Amino acid sequence: MDFLCYHRDRPGSLPLREQLQEEHWAYMDRYEEELIARGPTLSDDGELPTGSLHIVGLPDPAAARAFAFDEPNYQAGAYRDVLIRRWRNTLGRTMWEYPGGPEGGERFLVLGLGSGEPADLDPPAGRDGLIAYGPLLSDDGGAWLGTAALVRAPGREAARALLTPGRYAAVEVHPWEFGGRR
């Protein structure tokens, strides 16, 4: 099973995140084989982290919660909240297999949060900029709760246009970059 874990930063937590950077990376190294995508979301100017995204294959929802809540930055209070949702990898690849590579262009995390009749279950056609894409699901996989994508796009509005207008209670678009050890 795949899970999306998005930790949102607590205001003013950058010094704590910097202090715990090696602990965070060492923790993630333990999941190297399970990671599908990872990386920070950033402020609009790209200067400050605003959150930390991880898409990871784990055996069950309990393991996903343990992954998210045992993370060193979460344990130390750097994050204000965490979103954990089962996710289906409709592209069938990791971010490292994305043909466009980690450099060039603007990249975004797009989160469409919804309920009811599913929308956008399949990736849109002709989107070479899709890095990762899939529906957000309930723990048992039976209910659609939204859609999440990582995309290279020429701006926030182009990234938002991946999702069907009017089908989501909220759509978040965050600047994002490929993560991992630098």
N, C-alpha and C. Protein backbone atom coordinates (compact mmCIF):
# COMPACT_ATOMS: atom_id res chain seq x y z
N MET A 1 0.84 -1.18 0.00
CA MET A 1 0.00 0.00 0.00
C MET A 1 0.88 1.24 0.00
N ASP A 2 0.43 2.24 -0.72
CA ASP A 2 1.16 3.50 -0.75
C ASP A 2 0.42 4.54 0.07
N PHE A 3 1.19 5.41 0.73
CA PHE A 3 0.62 6.45 1.56
C PHE A 3 1.31 7.78 1.28
N LEU A 4 0.52 8.84 1.29
CA LEU A 4 1.04 10.20 1.20
C LEU A 4 1.05 10.77 2.61
N CYS A 5 2.19 11.27 3.03
CA CYS A 5 2.35 11.92 4.34
C CYS A 5 2.86 13.34 4.09
N TYR A 6 2.06 14.31 4.46
CA TYR A 6 2.46 15.70 4.27
C TYR A 6 2.47 16.40 5.62
N HIS A 7 3.67 16.68 6.11
CA HIS A 7 3.87 17.41 7.37
C HIS A 7 3.94 18.90 7.05
N ARG A 8 3.09 19.70 7.69
CA ARG A 8 3.10 21.15 7.49
C ARG A 8 3.89 21.80 8.62
N ASP A 9 4.80 22.69 8.26
CA ASP A 9 5.66 23.33 9.25
C ASP A 9 4.88 24.23 10.22
N ARG A 10 5.35 24.24 11.43
CA ARG A 10 4.89 25.21 12.42
C ARG A 10 5.63 26.51 12.15
N PRO A 11 4.96 27.66 12.23
CA PRO A 11 5.67 28.93 12.01
C PRO A 11 6.89 29.05 12.93
N GLY A 12 7.99 29.51 12.37
CA GLY A 12 9.21 29.72 13.15
C GLY A 12 10.01 28.46 13.42
N SER A 13 9.69 27.36 12.75
CA SER A 13 10.37 26.10 13.07
C SER A 13 11.65 25.84 12.27
N LEU A 14 12.03 26.76 11.39
CA LEU A 14 13.22 26.54 10.56
C LEU A 14 14.48 26.23 11.37
N PRO A 15 14.78 26.98 12.44
CA PRO A 15 16.00 26.63 13.21
C PRO A 15 15.97 25.20 13.75
N LEU A 16 14.81 24.76 14.19
CA LEU A 16 14.67 23.39 14.69
C LEU A 16 14.86 22.39 13.56
N ARG A 17 14.27 22.66 12.41
CA ARG A 17 14.44 21.76 11.26
C ARG A 17 15.91 21.69 10.85
N GLU A 18 16.60 22.83 10.84
CA GLU A 18 18.03 22.83 10.49
C GLU A 18 18.83 22.02 11.49
N GLN A 19 18.50 22.15 12.75
CA GLN A 19 19.20 21.41 13.81
C GLN A 19 19.00 19.90 13.65
N LEU A 20 17.82 19.49 13.18
CA LEU A 20 17.49 18.07 13.09
C LEU A 20 17.68 17.49 11.68
N GLN A 21 18.29 18.25 10.78
CA GLN A 21 18.39 17.82 9.39
C GLN A 21 19.04 16.43 9.24
N GLU A 22 20.14 16.20 9.89
CA GLU A 22 20.81 14.90 9.76
C GLU A 22 19.96 13.78 10.36
N GLU A 23 19.29 14.05 11.47
CA GLU A 23 18.41 13.03 12.06
C GLU A 23 17.26 12.70 11.11
N HIS A 24 16.70 13.73 10.48
CA HIS A 24 15.62 13.52 9.51
C HIS A 24 16.11 12.65 8.36
N TRP A 25 17.25 13.00 7.77
CA TRP A 25 17.76 12.24 6.64
C TRP A 25 18.11 10.80 7.05
N ALA A 26 18.69 10.62 8.22
CA ALA A 26 19.01 9.27 8.69
C ALA A 26 17.73 8.45 8.86
N TYR A 27 16.69 9.08 9.37
CA TYR A 27 15.39 8.41 9.51
C TYR A 27 14.88 7.99 8.13
N MET A 28 14.93 8.91 7.17
CA MET A 28 14.44 8.60 5.82
C MET A 28 15.30 7.56 5.12
N ASP A 29 16.59 7.50 5.45
CA ASP A 29 17.46 6.48 4.87
C ASP A 29 16.94 5.08 5.19
N ARG A 30 16.30 4.92 6.33
CA ARG A 30 15.75 3.62 6.72
C ARG A 30 14.62 3.19 5.78
N TYR A 31 14.03 4.14 5.06
CA TYR A 31 12.90 3.86 4.16
C TYR A 31 13.27 4.04 2.69
N GLU A 32 14.55 4.03 2.39
CA GLU A 32 15.02 4.31 1.03
C GLU A 32 14.31 3.46 -0.02
N GLU A 33 14.15 2.18 0.25
CA GLU A 33 13.52 1.27 -0.72
C GLU A 33 12.02 1.50 -0.85
N GLU A 34 11.38 2.04 0.16
CA GLU A 34 9.94 2.22 0.17
C GLU A 34 9.48 3.58 -0.37
N LEU A 35 10.40 4.54 -0.47
CA LEU A 35 10.01 5.89 -0.87
C LEU A 35 9.70 5.97 -2.36
N ILE A 36 8.58 6.59 -2.66
CA ILE A 36 8.14 6.84 -4.04
C ILE A 36 8.46 8.28 -4.42
N ALA A 37 8.30 9.18 -3.47
CA ALA A 37 8.62 10.60 -3.68
C ALA A 37 8.87 11.24 -2.33
N ARG A 38 9.65 12.32 -2.35
CA ARG A 38 9.93 13.05 -1.12
C ARG A 38 10.42 14.44 -1.48
N GLY A 39 10.28 15.35 -0.54
CA GLY A 39 10.83 16.68 -0.75
C GLY A 39 10.05 17.74 0.00
N PRO A 40 10.69 18.88 0.18
CA PRO A 40 10.05 19.97 0.91
C PRO A 40 9.11 20.78 0.03
N THR A 41 8.05 21.28 0.65
CA THR A 41 7.28 22.35 0.02
C THR A 41 7.93 23.64 0.49
N LEU A 42 7.76 24.68 -0.33
CA LEU A 42 8.50 25.93 -0.11
C LEU A 42 7.58 27.14 -0.12
N SER A 43 8.07 28.22 0.47
CA SER A 43 7.38 29.51 0.39
C SER A 43 7.33 29.93 -1.08
N ASP A 44 6.46 30.88 -1.39
CA ASP A 44 6.29 31.31 -2.78
C ASP A 44 7.60 31.80 -3.40
N ASP A 45 8.49 32.37 -2.59
CA ASP A 45 9.76 32.83 -3.13
C ASP A 45 10.81 31.71 -3.19
N GLY A 46 10.46 30.52 -2.72
CA GLY A 46 11.36 29.38 -2.77
C GLY A 46 12.46 29.39 -1.73
N GLU A 47 12.40 30.33 -0.80
CA GLU A 47 13.49 30.50 0.17
C GLU A 47 13.33 29.66 1.44
N LEU A 48 12.09 29.44 1.90
CA LEU A 48 11.88 28.78 3.18
C LEU A 48 11.03 27.53 3.02
N PRO A 49 11.36 26.47 3.75
CA PRO A 49 10.49 25.29 3.73
C PRO A 49 9.18 25.60 4.46
N THR A 50 8.09 25.04 3.94
CA THR A 50 6.78 25.19 4.57
C THR A 50 6.21 23.84 4.98
N GLY A 51 6.85 22.77 4.55
CA GLY A 51 6.36 21.43 4.86
C GLY A 51 7.29 20.38 4.29
N SER A 52 6.93 19.13 4.51
CA SER A 52 7.75 18.02 4.08
C SER A 52 6.83 16.91 3.57
N LEU A 53 6.99 16.54 2.30
CA LEU A 53 6.16 15.52 1.67
C LEU A 53 6.93 14.22 1.53
N HIS A 54 6.25 13.11 1.85
CA HIS A 54 6.80 11.78 1.63
C HIS A 54 5.67 10.89 1.12
N ILE A 55 5.92 10.22 0.00
CA ILE A 55 5.01 9.19 -0.49
C ILE A 55 5.78 7.89 -0.36
N VAL A 56 5.19 6.95 0.36
CA VAL A 56 5.95 5.78 0.79
C VAL A 56 5.06 4.54 0.76
N GLY A 57 5.65 3.42 0.33
CA GLY A 57 4.96 2.14 0.34
C GLY A 57 5.17 1.45 1.68
N LEU A 58 4.08 1.18 2.37
CA LEU A 58 4.14 0.55 3.70
C LEU A 58 3.05 -0.51 3.80
N PRO A 59 3.16 -1.44 4.74
CA PRO A 59 2.23 -2.56 4.78
C PRO A 59 0.78 -2.21 5.11
N ASP A 60 0.56 -1.16 5.91
CA ASP A 60 -0.81 -0.88 6.36
C ASP A 60 -0.89 0.53 6.96
N PRO A 61 -2.11 0.98 7.27
CA PRO A 61 -2.27 2.33 7.84
C PRO A 61 -1.53 2.54 9.16
N ALA A 62 -1.44 1.52 9.98
CA ALA A 62 -0.71 1.66 11.25
C ALA A 62 0.77 1.95 10.99
N ALA A 63 1.34 1.28 10.01
CA ALA A 63 2.75 1.53 9.67
C ALA A 63 2.93 2.93 9.10
N ALA A 64 1.95 3.43 8.35
CA ALA A 64 2.02 4.79 7.81
C ALA A 64 1.97 5.82 8.94
N ARG A 65 1.12 5.59 9.92
CA ARG A 65 1.05 6.52 11.05
C ARG A 65 2.36 6.48 11.85
N ALA A 66 2.90 5.30 12.06
CA ALA A 66 4.18 5.20 12.77
C ALA A 66 5.27 5.94 11.99
N PHE A 67 5.32 5.76 10.67
CA PHE A 67 6.29 6.47 9.83
C PHE A 67 6.16 7.97 10.03
N ALA A 68 4.96 8.49 9.96
CA ALA A 68 4.73 9.94 10.04
C ALA A 68 5.01 10.49 11.44
N PHE A 69 4.56 9.79 12.45
CA PHE A 69 4.63 10.34 13.80
C PHE A 69 5.95 10.05 14.52
N ASP A 70 6.74 9.11 14.02
CA ASP A 70 8.06 8.84 14.60
C ASP A 70 9.15 9.69 13.96
N GLU A 71 8.82 10.40 12.89
CA GLU A 71 9.79 11.25 12.18
C GLU A 71 10.37 12.28 13.15
N PRO A 72 11.68 12.49 13.17
CA PRO A 72 12.31 13.35 14.17
C PRO A 72 11.77 14.78 14.23
N ASN A 73 11.50 15.41 13.09
CA ASN A 73 10.95 16.77 13.14
C ASN A 73 9.57 16.79 13.77
N TYR A 74 8.76 15.79 13.49
CA TYR A 74 7.43 15.71 14.11
C TYR A 74 7.59 15.52 15.62
N GLN A 75 8.46 14.60 16.01
CA GLN A 75 8.67 14.33 17.44
C GLN A 75 9.14 15.58 18.19
N ALA A 76 9.92 16.42 17.53
CA ALA A 76 10.48 17.62 18.18
C ALA A 76 9.53 18.82 18.13
N GLY A 77 8.42 18.71 17.40
CA GLY A 77 7.46 19.81 17.35
C GLY A 77 7.65 20.79 16.22
N ALA A 78 8.40 20.42 15.18
CA ALA A 78 8.63 21.33 14.06
C ALA A 78 7.40 21.47 13.17
N TYR A 79 6.52 20.49 13.22
CA TYR A 79 5.34 20.51 12.35
C TYR A 79 4.09 20.88 13.13
N ARG A 80 3.19 21.60 12.46
CA ARG A 80 1.92 21.96 13.11
C ARG A 80 0.87 20.88 12.92
N ASP A 81 0.94 20.14 11.81
CA ASP A 81 0.01 19.03 11.59
C ASP A 81 0.55 18.12 10.51
N VAL A 82 -0.12 16.99 10.33
CA VAL A 82 0.29 16.04 9.31
C VAL A 82 -0.96 15.46 8.64
N LEU A 83 -0.91 15.37 7.32
CA LEU A 83 -1.96 14.74 6.53
C LEU A 83 -1.43 13.37 6.11
N ILE A 84 -2.16 12.32 6.44
CA ILE A 84 -1.80 10.96 6.04
C ILE A 84 -2.99 10.38 5.29
N ARG A 85 -2.76 9.98 4.05
CA ARG A 85 -3.82 9.37 3.25
C ARG A 85 -3.23 8.23 2.43
N ARG A 86 -4.01 7.19 2.31
CA ARG A 86 -3.66 6.14 1.36
C ARG A 86 -3.66 6.78 -0.03
N TRP A 87 -2.78 6.32 -0.89
CA TRP A 87 -2.59 6.94 -2.20
C TRP A 87 -2.36 5.84 -3.22
N ARG A 88 -2.90 6.01 -4.42
CA ARG A 88 -2.67 5.03 -5.48
C ARG A 88 -1.75 5.64 -6.54
N ASN A 89 -0.66 4.97 -6.81
CA ASN A 89 0.37 5.42 -7.73
C ASN A 89 -0.06 5.11 -9.17
N THR A 90 -0.82 6.01 -9.79
CA THR A 90 -1.35 5.73 -11.13
C THR A 90 -0.28 5.77 -12.21
N LEU A 91 0.85 6.40 -11.95
CA LEU A 91 1.94 6.42 -12.93
C LEU A 91 2.86 5.21 -12.81
N GLY A 92 2.80 4.53 -11.65
CA GLY A 92 3.58 3.31 -11.47
C GLY A 92 5.08 3.52 -11.40
N ARG A 93 5.52 4.68 -10.95
CA ARG A 93 6.96 4.94 -10.89
C ARG A 93 7.27 5.80 -9.66
N THR A 94 8.56 5.94 -9.40
CA THR A 94 9.01 6.83 -8.35
C THR A 94 9.39 8.18 -8.98
N MET A 95 9.63 9.17 -8.14
CA MET A 95 10.05 10.48 -8.68
C MET A 95 11.40 10.37 -9.36
N TRP A 96 12.23 9.42 -8.93
CA TRP A 96 13.56 9.26 -9.51
C TRP A 96 13.49 8.68 -10.92
N GLU A 97 12.35 8.11 -11.27
CA GLU A 97 12.14 7.56 -12.62
C GLU A 97 11.45 8.56 -13.55
N TYR A 98 11.11 9.72 -13.03
CA TYR A 98 10.48 10.76 -13.85
C TYR A 98 11.46 11.16 -14.96
N PRO A 99 11.06 11.08 -16.23
CA PRO A 99 11.99 11.36 -17.32
C PRO A 99 12.54 12.78 -17.35
N GLY A 100 11.83 13.73 -16.74
CA GLY A 100 12.30 15.12 -16.74
C GLY A 100 13.39 15.41 -15.74
N GLY A 101 13.67 14.47 -14.85
CA GLY A 101 14.72 14.67 -13.86
C GLY A 101 14.38 15.70 -12.80
N PRO A 102 15.30 15.91 -11.88
CA PRO A 102 15.03 16.78 -10.74
C PRO A 102 15.24 18.28 -10.99
N GLU A 103 15.79 18.65 -12.12
CA GLU A 103 16.13 20.06 -12.36
C GLU A 103 15.24 20.67 -13.44
N GLY A 104 15.18 21.98 -13.44
CA GLY A 104 14.50 22.71 -14.50
C GLY A 104 13.02 22.90 -14.29
N GLY A 105 12.57 24.12 -14.40
CA GLY A 105 11.15 24.44 -14.30
C GLY A 105 10.66 24.52 -12.88
N GLU A 106 9.47 25.04 -12.75
CA GLU A 106 8.81 25.12 -11.44
C GLU A 106 8.11 23.80 -11.17
N ARG A 107 8.14 23.38 -9.91
CA ARG A 107 7.50 22.13 -9.51
C ARG A 107 6.57 22.41 -8.35
N PHE A 108 5.45 21.64 -8.31
CA PHE A 108 4.42 21.89 -7.33
C PHE A 108 3.85 20.59 -6.78
N LEU A 109 3.43 20.66 -5.52
CA LEU A 109 2.56 19.66 -4.92
C LEU A 109 1.15 20.21 -5.04
N VAL A 110 0.26 19.45 -5.67
CA VAL A 110 -1.14 19.83 -5.80
C VAL A 110 -1.96 18.84 -4.99
N LEU A 111 -2.71 19.35 -4.01
CA LEU A 111 -3.59 18.53 -3.17
C LEU A 111 -5.02 18.99 -3.38
N GLY A 112 -5.84 18.13 -3.94
CA GLY A 112 -7.27 18.39 -4.05
C GLY A 112 -7.97 17.56 -3.01
N LEU A 113 -8.64 18.20 -2.07
CA LEU A 113 -9.30 17.50 -0.97
C LEU A 113 -10.80 17.50 -1.23
N GLY A 114 -11.39 16.31 -1.26
CA GLY A 114 -12.81 16.22 -1.59
C GLY A 114 -13.46 15.03 -0.92
N SER A 115 -14.69 14.78 -1.33
CA SER A 115 -15.44 13.62 -0.87
C SER A 115 -16.55 13.37 -1.87
N GLY A 116 -17.23 12.26 -1.71
CA GLY A 116 -18.33 11.95 -2.61
C GLY A 116 -17.87 11.26 -3.86
N GLU A 117 -18.51 11.62 -4.98
CA GLU A 117 -18.21 10.99 -6.27
C GLU A 117 -16.76 11.28 -6.67
N PRO A 118 -15.98 10.24 -6.96
CA PRO A 118 -14.57 10.44 -7.30
C PRO A 118 -14.38 11.27 -8.57
N ALA A 119 -13.29 12.01 -8.60
CA ALA A 119 -12.89 12.79 -9.76
C ALA A 119 -11.40 12.58 -9.99
N ASP A 120 -10.99 12.74 -11.22
CA ASP A 120 -9.57 12.74 -11.56
C ASP A 120 -8.84 11.49 -11.09
N LEU A 121 -9.48 10.34 -11.26
CA LEU A 121 -8.84 9.08 -10.85
C LEU A 121 -7.66 8.72 -11.75
N ASP A 122 -7.75 9.08 -13.01
CA ASP A 122 -6.68 8.78 -13.96
C ASP A 122 -5.91 10.05 -14.27
N PRO A 123 -4.62 9.92 -14.55
CA PRO A 123 -3.83 11.11 -14.89
C PRO A 123 -4.35 11.75 -16.17
N PRO A 124 -4.31 13.08 -16.23
CA PRO A 124 -4.72 13.75 -17.46
C PRO A 124 -3.78 13.41 -18.61
N ALA A 125 -4.35 13.27 -19.79
CA ALA A 125 -3.55 12.92 -20.98
C ALA A 125 -2.63 14.08 -21.36
N GLY A 126 -1.50 13.72 -21.93
CA GLY A 126 -0.59 14.73 -22.47
C GLY A 126 0.09 15.60 -21.45
N ARG A 127 0.28 15.10 -20.25
CA ARG A 127 0.92 15.89 -19.19
C ARG A 127 2.31 15.35 -18.93
N ASP A 128 3.27 15.77 -19.76
CA ASP A 128 4.64 15.31 -19.61
C ASP A 128 5.26 15.77 -18.29
N GLY A 129 4.68 16.78 -17.67
CA GLY A 129 5.22 17.31 -16.44
C GLY A 129 4.81 16.56 -15.19
N LEU A 130 4.00 15.51 -15.33
CA LEU A 130 3.58 14.76 -14.14
C LEU A 130 4.74 13.95 -13.59
N ILE A 131 5.05 14.20 -12.34
CA ILE A 131 6.11 13.47 -11.64
C ILE A 131 5.50 12.33 -10.85
N ALA A 132 4.38 12.58 -10.18
CA ALA A 132 3.62 11.58 -9.44
C ALA A 132 2.16 12.02 -9.48
N TYR A 133 1.24 11.04 -9.47
CA TYR A 133 -0.18 11.36 -9.57
C TYR A 133 -1.00 10.21 -9.02
N GLY A 134 -2.06 10.54 -8.28
CA GLY A 134 -2.96 9.49 -7.83
C GLY A 134 -4.01 9.98 -6.87
N PRO A 135 -5.06 9.16 -6.72
CA PRO A 135 -6.13 9.52 -5.80
C PRO A 135 -5.71 9.32 -4.34
N LEU A 136 -6.27 10.16 -3.48
CA LEU A 136 -6.16 10.00 -2.04
C LEU A 136 -7.36 9.19 -1.59
N LEU A 137 -7.12 8.19 -0.75
CA LEU A 137 -8.16 7.24 -0.38
C LEU A 137 -8.27 7.08 1.13
N SER A 138 -9.39 6.53 1.57
CA SER A 138 -9.54 6.16 2.97
C SER A 138 -8.58 5.02 3.29
N ASP A 139 -8.39 4.74 4.56
CA ASP A 139 -7.46 3.69 4.98
C ASP A 139 -7.74 2.36 4.30
N ASP A 140 -9.03 2.01 4.13
CA ASP A 140 -9.36 0.73 3.51
C ASP A 140 -9.39 0.80 1.98
N GLY A 141 -9.13 1.97 1.42
CA GLY A 141 -9.12 2.14 -0.02
C GLY A 141 -10.49 2.25 -0.65
N GLY A 142 -11.55 2.23 0.17
CA GLY A 142 -12.91 2.20 -0.36
C GLY A 142 -13.52 3.55 -0.66
N ALA A 143 -13.00 4.62 -0.07
CA ALA A 143 -13.58 5.95 -0.29
C ALA A 143 -12.54 6.89 -0.88
N TRP A 144 -12.96 7.63 -1.89
CA TRP A 144 -12.12 8.66 -2.51
C TRP A 144 -12.16 9.91 -1.63
N LEU A 145 -10.98 10.44 -1.30
CA LEU A 145 -10.88 11.63 -0.45
C LEU A 145 -10.18 12.79 -1.15
N GLY A 146 -9.81 12.59 -2.41
CA GLY A 146 -9.16 13.66 -3.15
C GLY A 146 -8.14 13.12 -4.12
N THR A 147 -7.29 14.01 -4.59
CA THR A 147 -6.25 13.68 -5.56
C THR A 147 -4.98 14.44 -5.20
N ALA A 148 -3.84 13.81 -5.40
CA ALA A 148 -2.55 14.46 -5.14
C ALA A 148 -1.64 14.26 -6.34
N ALA A 149 -0.90 15.32 -6.67
CA ALA A 149 0.03 15.25 -7.80
C ALA A 149 1.28 16.05 -7.49
N LEU A 150 2.38 15.59 -8.03
CA LEU A 150 3.61 16.36 -8.12
C LEU A 150 3.79 16.66 -9.59
N VAL A 151 3.99 17.92 -9.92
CA VAL A 151 3.99 18.31 -11.33
C VAL A 151 4.99 19.42 -11.60
N ARG A 152 5.60 19.36 -12.77
CA ARG A 152 6.36 20.49 -13.29
C ARG A 152 5.39 21.28 -14.16
N ALA A 153 5.24 22.57 -13.87
CA ALA A 153 4.27 23.41 -14.58
C ALA A 153 4.80 24.84 -14.64
N PRO A 154 4.31 25.62 -15.60
CA PRO A 154 4.79 27.00 -15.74
C PRO A 154 4.12 27.98 -14.79
N GLY A 155 3.77 27.53 -13.61
CA GLY A 155 3.18 28.41 -12.60
C GLY A 155 2.08 27.71 -11.83
N ARG A 156 1.69 28.35 -10.74
CA ARG A 156 0.70 27.82 -9.81
C ARG A 156 -0.64 27.50 -10.50
N GLU A 157 -1.13 28.41 -11.33
CA GLU A 157 -2.43 28.21 -11.97
C GLU A 157 -2.39 27.03 -12.94
N ALA A 158 -1.29 26.87 -13.66
CA ALA A 158 -1.16 25.72 -14.56
C ALA A 158 -1.14 24.41 -13.76
N ALA A 159 -0.51 24.42 -12.61
CA ALA A 159 -0.49 23.23 -11.76
C ALA A 159 -1.90 22.94 -11.24
N ARG A 160 -2.61 23.96 -10.80
CA ARG A 160 -3.97 23.81 -10.29
C ARG A 160 -4.91 23.25 -11.36
N ALA A 161 -4.64 23.58 -12.63
CA ALA A 161 -5.50 23.17 -13.74
C ALA A 161 -5.49 21.65 -13.96
N LEU A 162 -4.61 20.92 -13.27
CA LEU A 162 -4.64 19.46 -13.36
C LEU A 162 -5.96 18.88 -12.86
N LEU A 163 -6.58 19.56 -11.90
CA LEU A 163 -7.76 19.03 -11.23
C LEU A 163 -9.03 19.66 -11.77
N THR A 164 -10.08 18.87 -11.82
CA THR A 164 -11.37 19.32 -12.32
C THR A 164 -11.93 20.43 -11.44
N PRO A 165 -12.19 21.60 -12.02
CA PRO A 165 -12.75 22.71 -11.23
C PRO A 165 -14.11 22.32 -10.61
N GLY A 166 -14.31 22.78 -9.39
CA GLY A 166 -15.58 22.57 -8.71
C GLY A 166 -15.79 21.22 -8.08
N ARG A 167 -14.84 20.31 -8.19
CA ARG A 167 -15.00 18.97 -7.63
C ARG A 167 -14.33 18.79 -6.26
N TYR A 168 -13.69 19.83 -5.76
CA TYR A 168 -12.93 19.70 -4.52
C TYR A 168 -13.39 20.74 -3.51
N ALA A 169 -13.42 20.35 -2.24
CA ALA A 169 -13.72 21.31 -1.18
C ALA A 169 -12.60 22.31 -1.04
N ALA A 170 -11.38 21.87 -1.29
CA ALA A 170 -10.21 22.76 -1.22
C ALA A 170 -9.14 22.21 -2.14
N VAL A 171 -8.39 23.11 -2.76
CA VAL A 171 -7.23 22.74 -3.56
C VAL A 171 -6.06 23.56 -3.06
N GLU A 172 -4.99 22.86 -2.70
CA GLU A 172 -3.77 23.52 -2.25
C GLU A 172 -2.69 23.31 -3.31
N VAL A 173 -1.95 24.35 -3.62
CA VAL A 173 -0.84 24.26 -4.56
C VAL A 173 0.38 24.84 -3.86
N HIS A 174 1.38 23.99 -3.66
CA HIS A 174 2.60 24.38 -2.94
C HIS A 174 3.82 24.24 -3.83
N PRO A 175 4.68 25.25 -3.92
CA PRO A 175 5.98 25.03 -4.57
C PRO A 175 6.67 23.86 -3.88
N TRP A 176 7.31 23.01 -4.66
CA TRP A 176 7.91 21.77 -4.15
C TRP A 176 9.21 21.51 -4.91
N GLU A 177 10.12 20.81 -4.25
CA GLU A 177 11.35 20.39 -4.94
C GLU A 177 11.69 18.96 -4.55
N PHE A 178 12.43 18.28 -5.44
CA PHE A 178 12.90 16.94 -5.16
C PHE A 178 13.69 16.98 -3.85
N GLY A 179 13.47 15.99 -3.00
CA GLY A 179 14.15 15.96 -1.71
C GLY A 179 15.22 14.89 -1.66
N GLY A 180 15.84 14.83 -0.51
CA GLY A 180 16.90 13.86 -0.24
C GLY A 180 18.18 14.56 0.17
N ARG A 181 19.15 13.77 0.45
CA ARG A 181 20.44 14.31 0.89
C ARG A 181 21.04 15.18 -0.20
N ARG A 182 21.63 16.28 0.22
CA ARG A 182 22.28 17.19 -0.73
C ARG A 182 23.78 17.04 -0.64
